[in-house]
Amino acid sequence: MYEVKDGRVYISRAEFKRRHADYKIATKGAEMLLVNENGATVLAPVIFTERS
């Protein structure tokens, strides 16, 4: 699972890799994830919660 806080997604690297390709977006320099926050779909930067 993941947590959305302050416009950022906190997720483990393993869980991020398991997310369906439709919810990931490839951007140079940063990992982003589409998430539902307060009823709206937003593109949020990913903060990894553990090192892999």
Protein backbone atom coordinates (compact mmCIF):
# COMPACT_ATOMS: atom_id res chain seq x y z
CA MET A 1 0.00 0.00 0.00
CA TYR A 2 0.96 3.64 -0.12
CA GLU A 3 0.19 6.83 1.72
CA VAL A 4 -0.53 10.23 0.18
CA LYS A 5 0.55 13.13 2.36
CA ASP A 6 1.28 16.76 1.49
CA GLY A 7 0.91 16.06 -2.23
CA ARG A 8 3.50 13.27 -2.21
CA VAL A 9 3.17 9.49 -2.41
CA TYR A 10 5.07 7.50 0.22
CA ILE A 11 5.56 3.95 -1.07
CA SER A 12 8.14 1.15 -0.91
CA ARG A 13 10.15 0.41 -4.05
CA ALA A 14 8.75 -3.13 -4.15
CA GLU A 15 5.15 -1.88 -3.99
CA PHE A 16 5.87 0.80 -6.60
CA LYS A 17 7.13 -1.89 -9.01
CA ARG A 18 3.91 -3.87 -8.46
CA ARG A 19 1.64 -0.97 -9.41
CA HIS A 20 -0.12 -1.45 -12.73
CA ALA A 21 1.49 0.33 -15.68
CA ASP A 22 -1.64 2.46 -16.16
CA TYR A 23 -0.96 4.20 -12.85
CA LYS A 24 2.70 4.89 -13.46
CA ILE A 25 4.09 7.57 -15.71
CA ALA A 26 7.64 7.78 -17.01
CA THR A 27 9.26 11.15 -16.45
CA LYS A 28 12.91 11.98 -16.70
CA GLY A 29 14.52 12.58 -13.34
CA ALA A 30 11.59 11.72 -11.09
CA GLU A 31 9.18 8.90 -10.37
CA MET A 32 5.54 9.97 -10.40
CA LEU A 33 2.35 8.10 -9.62
CA LEU A 34 -1.29 8.88 -10.39
CA VAL A 35 -3.29 8.67 -7.17
CA ASN A 36 -6.76 9.54 -5.92
CA GLU A 37 -6.47 12.27 -3.29
CA ASN A 38 -9.62 13.77 -1.75
CA GLY A 39 -11.76 12.64 -4.68
CA ALA A 40 -9.45 13.97 -7.39
CA THR A 41 -6.88 12.13 -9.48
CA VAL A 42 -3.50 13.82 -9.18
CA LEU A 43 0.00 13.18 -10.43
CA ALA A 44 2.22 13.13 -7.36
CA PRO A 45 5.95 12.71 -6.83
CA VAL A 46 7.06 9.45 -5.21
CA ILE A 47 9.05 9.30 -1.97
CA PHE A 48 10.41 5.81 -1.33
CA THR A 49 9.98 4.65 2.26
CA GLU A 50 12.71 2.00 2.20
CA ARG A 51 15.86 1.32 0.27
CA SER A 52 16.13 -1.62 -2.09
